[in-house]
N, C-alpha and C. Protein backbone atom coordinates (compact mmCIF):
# COMPACT_ATOMS: atom_id res chain seq x y z
N MET A 1 -11.69 -29.55 15.95
CA MET A 1 -11.18 -28.24 16.31
C MET A 1 -10.17 -27.81 15.25
N PRO A 2 -10.28 -26.56 14.71
CA PRO A 2 -9.36 -26.10 13.68
C PRO A 2 -7.95 -25.85 14.24
N ARG A 3 -6.99 -25.94 13.34
CA ARG A 3 -5.62 -25.63 13.73
C ARG A 3 -5.49 -24.16 14.09
N PRO A 4 -4.65 -23.83 15.09
CA PRO A 4 -4.44 -22.42 15.40
C PRO A 4 -3.72 -21.72 14.26
N LYS A 5 -4.05 -20.45 14.04
CA LYS A 5 -3.41 -19.68 12.98
C LYS A 5 -1.98 -19.32 13.37
N HIS A 6 -1.11 -19.39 12.37
CA HIS A 6 0.29 -19.01 12.55
C HIS A 6 0.42 -17.50 12.37
N CYS A 7 1.02 -16.82 13.31
CA CYS A 7 1.19 -15.37 13.22
C CYS A 7 2.37 -15.04 12.32
N LEU A 8 2.15 -14.21 11.32
CA LEU A 8 3.20 -13.79 10.40
C LEU A 8 3.78 -12.44 10.80
N CYS A 9 3.49 -11.99 12.00
CA CYS A 9 3.85 -10.64 12.44
C CYS A 9 5.34 -10.34 12.28
N LYS A 10 6.20 -11.30 12.59
CA LYS A 10 7.65 -11.06 12.51
C LYS A 10 8.11 -10.88 11.08
N ALA A 11 7.40 -11.48 10.13
CA ALA A 11 7.79 -11.41 8.73
C ALA A 11 7.32 -10.13 8.05
N ILE A 12 6.47 -9.37 8.68
CA ILE A 12 5.92 -8.16 8.06
C ILE A 12 6.83 -6.98 8.35
N LYS A 13 7.39 -6.43 7.28
CA LYS A 13 8.33 -5.31 7.41
C LYS A 13 7.64 -3.96 7.24
N PHE A 14 6.45 -3.95 6.66
CA PHE A 14 5.73 -2.71 6.37
C PHE A 14 4.78 -2.38 7.49
N LYS A 15 4.93 -1.22 8.06
CA LYS A 15 4.03 -0.73 9.11
C LYS A 15 3.41 0.58 8.61
N PRO A 16 2.17 0.52 8.12
CA PRO A 16 1.55 1.71 7.54
C PRO A 16 1.30 2.81 8.58
N GLU A 17 1.56 4.04 8.18
CA GLU A 17 1.28 5.18 9.05
C GLU A 17 -0.20 5.55 8.97
N ILE A 18 -0.78 5.40 7.81
CA ILE A 18 -2.19 5.69 7.60
C ILE A 18 -2.92 4.36 7.58
N ILE A 19 -3.93 4.22 8.43
CA ILE A 19 -4.60 2.92 8.54
C ILE A 19 -6.08 2.96 8.14
N CYS A 20 -6.55 4.11 7.67
CA CYS A 20 -7.96 4.19 7.30
C CYS A 20 -8.12 5.00 6.02
N PHE A 21 -8.91 4.46 5.09
CA PHE A 21 -9.21 5.11 3.82
C PHE A 21 -10.72 5.06 3.65
N LYS A 22 -11.28 6.16 3.12
CA LYS A 22 -12.73 6.19 2.97
C LYS A 22 -13.10 7.02 1.75
N PRO A 23 -14.30 6.80 1.22
CA PRO A 23 -14.77 7.63 0.12
C PRO A 23 -14.88 9.10 0.55
N GLN A 24 -14.53 9.99 -0.34
CA GLN A 24 -14.56 11.42 -0.05
C GLN A 24 -16.00 11.91 0.10
N GLY A 25 -16.19 12.80 1.06
CA GLY A 25 -17.47 13.47 1.22
C GLY A 25 -18.51 12.72 2.04
N ILE A 26 -18.14 11.57 2.59
CA ILE A 26 -19.07 10.80 3.42
C ILE A 26 -18.44 10.60 4.79
N SER A 27 -19.20 10.86 5.82
CA SER A 27 -18.69 10.69 7.18
C SER A 27 -18.40 9.22 7.45
N ILE A 28 -17.32 8.95 8.16
CA ILE A 28 -16.93 7.57 8.50
C ILE A 28 -18.04 6.87 9.28
N ARG A 29 -18.82 7.64 10.04
CA ARG A 29 -19.93 7.06 10.82
C ARG A 29 -20.99 6.46 9.92
N ASP A 30 -21.11 6.99 8.71
CA ASP A 30 -22.15 6.55 7.79
C ASP A 30 -21.69 5.44 6.84
N LEU A 31 -20.48 4.95 7.03
CA LEU A 31 -19.92 3.95 6.13
C LEU A 31 -19.76 2.59 6.79
N GLN A 32 -19.94 1.55 6.01
CA GLN A 32 -19.52 0.23 6.45
C GLN A 32 -18.00 0.17 6.27
N THR A 33 -17.34 -0.68 7.04
CA THR A 33 -15.88 -0.77 7.00
C THR A 33 -15.43 -2.18 6.65
N VAL A 34 -14.45 -2.25 5.78
CA VAL A 34 -13.78 -3.50 5.45
C VAL A 34 -12.44 -3.48 6.19
N GLU A 35 -12.13 -4.55 6.91
CA GLU A 35 -10.88 -4.61 7.67
C GLU A 35 -9.87 -5.48 6.95
N LEU A 36 -8.70 -4.88 6.68
CA LEU A 36 -7.57 -5.60 6.10
C LEU A 36 -6.55 -5.85 7.19
N SER A 37 -6.07 -7.08 7.28
CA SER A 37 -5.02 -7.39 8.27
C SER A 37 -3.67 -6.92 7.74
N LEU A 38 -2.70 -6.80 8.63
CA LEU A 38 -1.34 -6.45 8.20
C LEU A 38 -0.80 -7.48 7.23
N GLU A 39 -1.14 -8.75 7.43
CA GLU A 39 -0.70 -9.81 6.51
C GLU A 39 -1.25 -9.58 5.11
N GLU A 40 -2.53 -9.19 5.03
CA GLU A 40 -3.15 -8.95 3.73
C GLU A 40 -2.54 -7.75 3.03
N ILE A 41 -2.32 -6.66 3.74
CA ILE A 41 -1.75 -5.47 3.10
C ILE A 41 -0.29 -5.72 2.71
N GLU A 42 0.44 -6.52 3.50
CA GLU A 42 1.83 -6.85 3.15
C GLU A 42 1.87 -7.73 1.91
N ALA A 43 0.99 -8.72 1.81
CA ALA A 43 0.94 -9.56 0.62
C ALA A 43 0.62 -8.72 -0.62
N TYR A 44 -0.33 -7.82 -0.49
CA TYR A 44 -0.71 -6.93 -1.59
C TYR A 44 0.46 -6.02 -1.98
N ARG A 45 1.15 -5.46 -0.99
CA ARG A 45 2.29 -4.57 -1.24
C ARG A 45 3.43 -5.30 -1.94
N LEU A 46 3.75 -6.49 -1.48
CA LEU A 46 4.84 -7.25 -2.09
C LEU A 46 4.56 -7.58 -3.55
N ARG A 47 3.31 -7.90 -3.85
CA ARG A 47 2.96 -8.26 -5.23
C ARG A 47 2.86 -7.05 -6.13
N HIS A 48 2.22 -5.97 -5.66
CA HIS A 48 1.90 -4.87 -6.57
C HIS A 48 2.79 -3.64 -6.44
N ILE A 49 3.48 -3.47 -5.34
CA ILE A 49 4.41 -2.35 -5.19
C ILE A 49 5.85 -2.83 -5.43
N LYS A 50 6.19 -3.95 -4.84
CA LYS A 50 7.54 -4.51 -5.00
C LYS A 50 7.67 -5.40 -6.23
N ASP A 51 6.54 -5.71 -6.89
CA ASP A 51 6.51 -6.54 -8.10
C ASP A 51 7.16 -7.91 -7.93
N LEU A 52 6.99 -8.51 -6.75
CA LEU A 52 7.53 -9.84 -6.51
C LEU A 52 6.58 -10.91 -7.02
N GLU A 53 7.14 -11.98 -7.53
CA GLU A 53 6.34 -13.14 -7.91
C GLU A 53 5.89 -13.85 -6.63
N GLN A 54 4.94 -14.75 -6.77
CA GLN A 54 4.34 -15.42 -5.62
C GLN A 54 5.36 -16.13 -4.74
N GLN A 55 6.29 -16.87 -5.34
CA GLN A 55 7.27 -17.62 -4.56
C GLN A 55 8.17 -16.69 -3.75
N ALA A 56 8.66 -15.62 -4.37
CA ALA A 56 9.54 -14.67 -3.68
C ALA A 56 8.80 -13.93 -2.57
N ALA A 57 7.55 -13.56 -2.84
CA ALA A 57 6.75 -12.86 -1.83
C ALA A 57 6.47 -13.78 -0.64
N ALA A 58 6.17 -15.04 -0.93
CA ALA A 58 5.90 -16.01 0.14
C ALA A 58 7.15 -16.19 1.01
N GLU A 59 8.32 -16.25 0.39
CA GLU A 59 9.57 -16.36 1.15
C GLU A 59 9.78 -15.14 2.03
N LYS A 60 9.51 -13.95 1.51
CA LYS A 60 9.64 -12.73 2.31
C LYS A 60 8.72 -12.76 3.52
N MET A 61 7.53 -13.33 3.34
CA MET A 61 6.56 -13.40 4.43
C MET A 61 6.75 -14.65 5.29
N GLN A 62 7.74 -15.46 4.94
CA GLN A 62 8.07 -16.67 5.68
C GLN A 62 6.87 -17.61 5.80
N THR A 63 6.23 -17.85 4.64
CA THR A 63 5.07 -18.73 4.59
C THR A 63 5.10 -19.53 3.30
N SER A 64 4.20 -20.47 3.17
CA SER A 64 4.13 -21.27 1.95
C SER A 64 3.47 -20.45 0.84
N THR A 65 3.69 -20.88 -0.39
CA THR A 65 3.07 -20.16 -1.50
C THR A 65 1.55 -20.27 -1.46
N SER A 66 1.04 -21.40 -1.02
CA SER A 66 -0.43 -21.54 -0.96
C SER A 66 -1.03 -20.63 0.11
N THR A 67 -0.35 -20.48 1.24
CA THR A 67 -0.83 -19.57 2.28
C THR A 67 -0.73 -18.13 1.80
N TYR A 68 0.39 -17.79 1.15
CA TYR A 68 0.54 -16.44 0.59
C TYR A 68 -0.59 -16.14 -0.38
N GLN A 69 -0.87 -17.08 -1.28
CA GLN A 69 -1.93 -16.87 -2.27
C GLN A 69 -3.29 -16.69 -1.60
N ARG A 70 -3.57 -17.46 -0.56
CA ARG A 70 -4.84 -17.33 0.17
C ARG A 70 -4.95 -15.93 0.79
N ILE A 71 -3.86 -15.45 1.39
CA ILE A 71 -3.85 -14.12 2.00
C ILE A 71 -4.05 -13.04 0.94
N LEU A 72 -3.34 -13.16 -0.18
CA LEU A 72 -3.44 -12.18 -1.25
C LEU A 72 -4.85 -12.12 -1.83
N TYR A 73 -5.46 -13.27 -2.09
CA TYR A 73 -6.81 -13.27 -2.65
C TYR A 73 -7.84 -12.75 -1.65
N SER A 74 -7.60 -12.94 -0.38
CA SER A 74 -8.48 -12.36 0.63
C SER A 74 -8.39 -10.83 0.57
N ALA A 75 -7.17 -10.30 0.40
CA ALA A 75 -6.98 -8.85 0.27
C ALA A 75 -7.69 -8.34 -0.98
N TYR A 76 -7.53 -9.05 -2.11
CA TYR A 76 -8.19 -8.65 -3.35
C TYR A 76 -9.70 -8.53 -3.16
N LYS A 77 -10.29 -9.53 -2.54
CA LYS A 77 -11.74 -9.55 -2.36
C LYS A 77 -12.20 -8.38 -1.50
N LYS A 78 -11.49 -8.11 -0.41
CA LYS A 78 -11.87 -7.03 0.50
C LYS A 78 -11.71 -5.66 -0.16
N ILE A 79 -10.61 -5.46 -0.90
CA ILE A 79 -10.37 -4.18 -1.57
C ILE A 79 -11.43 -3.96 -2.65
N ALA A 80 -11.74 -4.99 -3.42
CA ALA A 80 -12.78 -4.88 -4.45
C ALA A 80 -14.13 -4.55 -3.83
N ASP A 81 -14.46 -5.18 -2.71
CA ASP A 81 -15.71 -4.91 -2.01
C ASP A 81 -15.79 -3.45 -1.60
N ALA A 82 -14.70 -2.94 -1.01
CA ALA A 82 -14.69 -1.55 -0.56
C ALA A 82 -14.82 -0.57 -1.73
N LEU A 83 -14.08 -0.82 -2.80
CA LEU A 83 -14.11 0.10 -3.94
C LEU A 83 -15.43 0.08 -4.68
N THR A 84 -16.01 -1.08 -4.86
CA THR A 84 -17.24 -1.17 -5.65
C THR A 84 -18.49 -0.86 -4.85
N ASN A 85 -18.42 -0.99 -3.53
CA ASN A 85 -19.59 -0.75 -2.69
C ASN A 85 -19.47 0.48 -1.80
N GLY A 86 -18.44 1.31 -2.01
CA GLY A 86 -18.30 2.56 -1.27
C GLY A 86 -18.08 2.38 0.21
N LYS A 87 -17.24 1.42 0.59
CA LYS A 87 -16.96 1.17 2.00
C LYS A 87 -15.59 1.74 2.38
N ALA A 88 -15.40 2.00 3.67
CA ALA A 88 -14.11 2.42 4.18
C ALA A 88 -13.20 1.20 4.32
N ILE A 89 -11.89 1.42 4.26
CA ILE A 89 -10.91 0.35 4.47
C ILE A 89 -10.11 0.70 5.70
N LYS A 90 -10.03 -0.23 6.64
CA LYS A 90 -9.25 -0.03 7.85
C LYS A 90 -8.22 -1.16 7.95
N ILE A 91 -6.96 -0.79 8.18
CA ILE A 91 -5.90 -1.77 8.35
C ILE A 91 -5.76 -2.05 9.84
N ILE A 92 -5.87 -3.33 10.21
CA ILE A 92 -5.81 -3.71 11.62
C ILE A 92 -4.58 -4.59 11.86
N LYS A 93 -4.12 -4.61 13.10
CA LYS A 93 -2.91 -5.38 13.43
C LYS A 93 -3.15 -6.88 13.41
N HIS A 94 -4.26 -7.33 13.98
CA HIS A 94 -4.54 -8.77 14.05
C HIS A 94 -5.98 -9.03 13.66
N LYS A 95 -6.18 -10.17 13.03
CA LYS A 95 -7.55 -10.54 12.65
C LYS A 95 -7.85 -11.90 13.21
């Protein structure tokens, strides 16, 4: 049985007002959706908006650097999938 996931909810300071992004001119009904968790968008924000290095970002998220890196690379993969394949991006509270 796998270990239960640790919730990073308390460590996330960013609460996005807009939670859905989609390609222009296509109805959301006609699109596949990629779901980003709050943890993934926070990891992405800390690295690319706040310009924090991995260790500092991991401390902000109250997690290990390896867990932070796993979350960040998951966000990279999902964002790349959405951008290159014309999918919508939805930010969800829990995954």
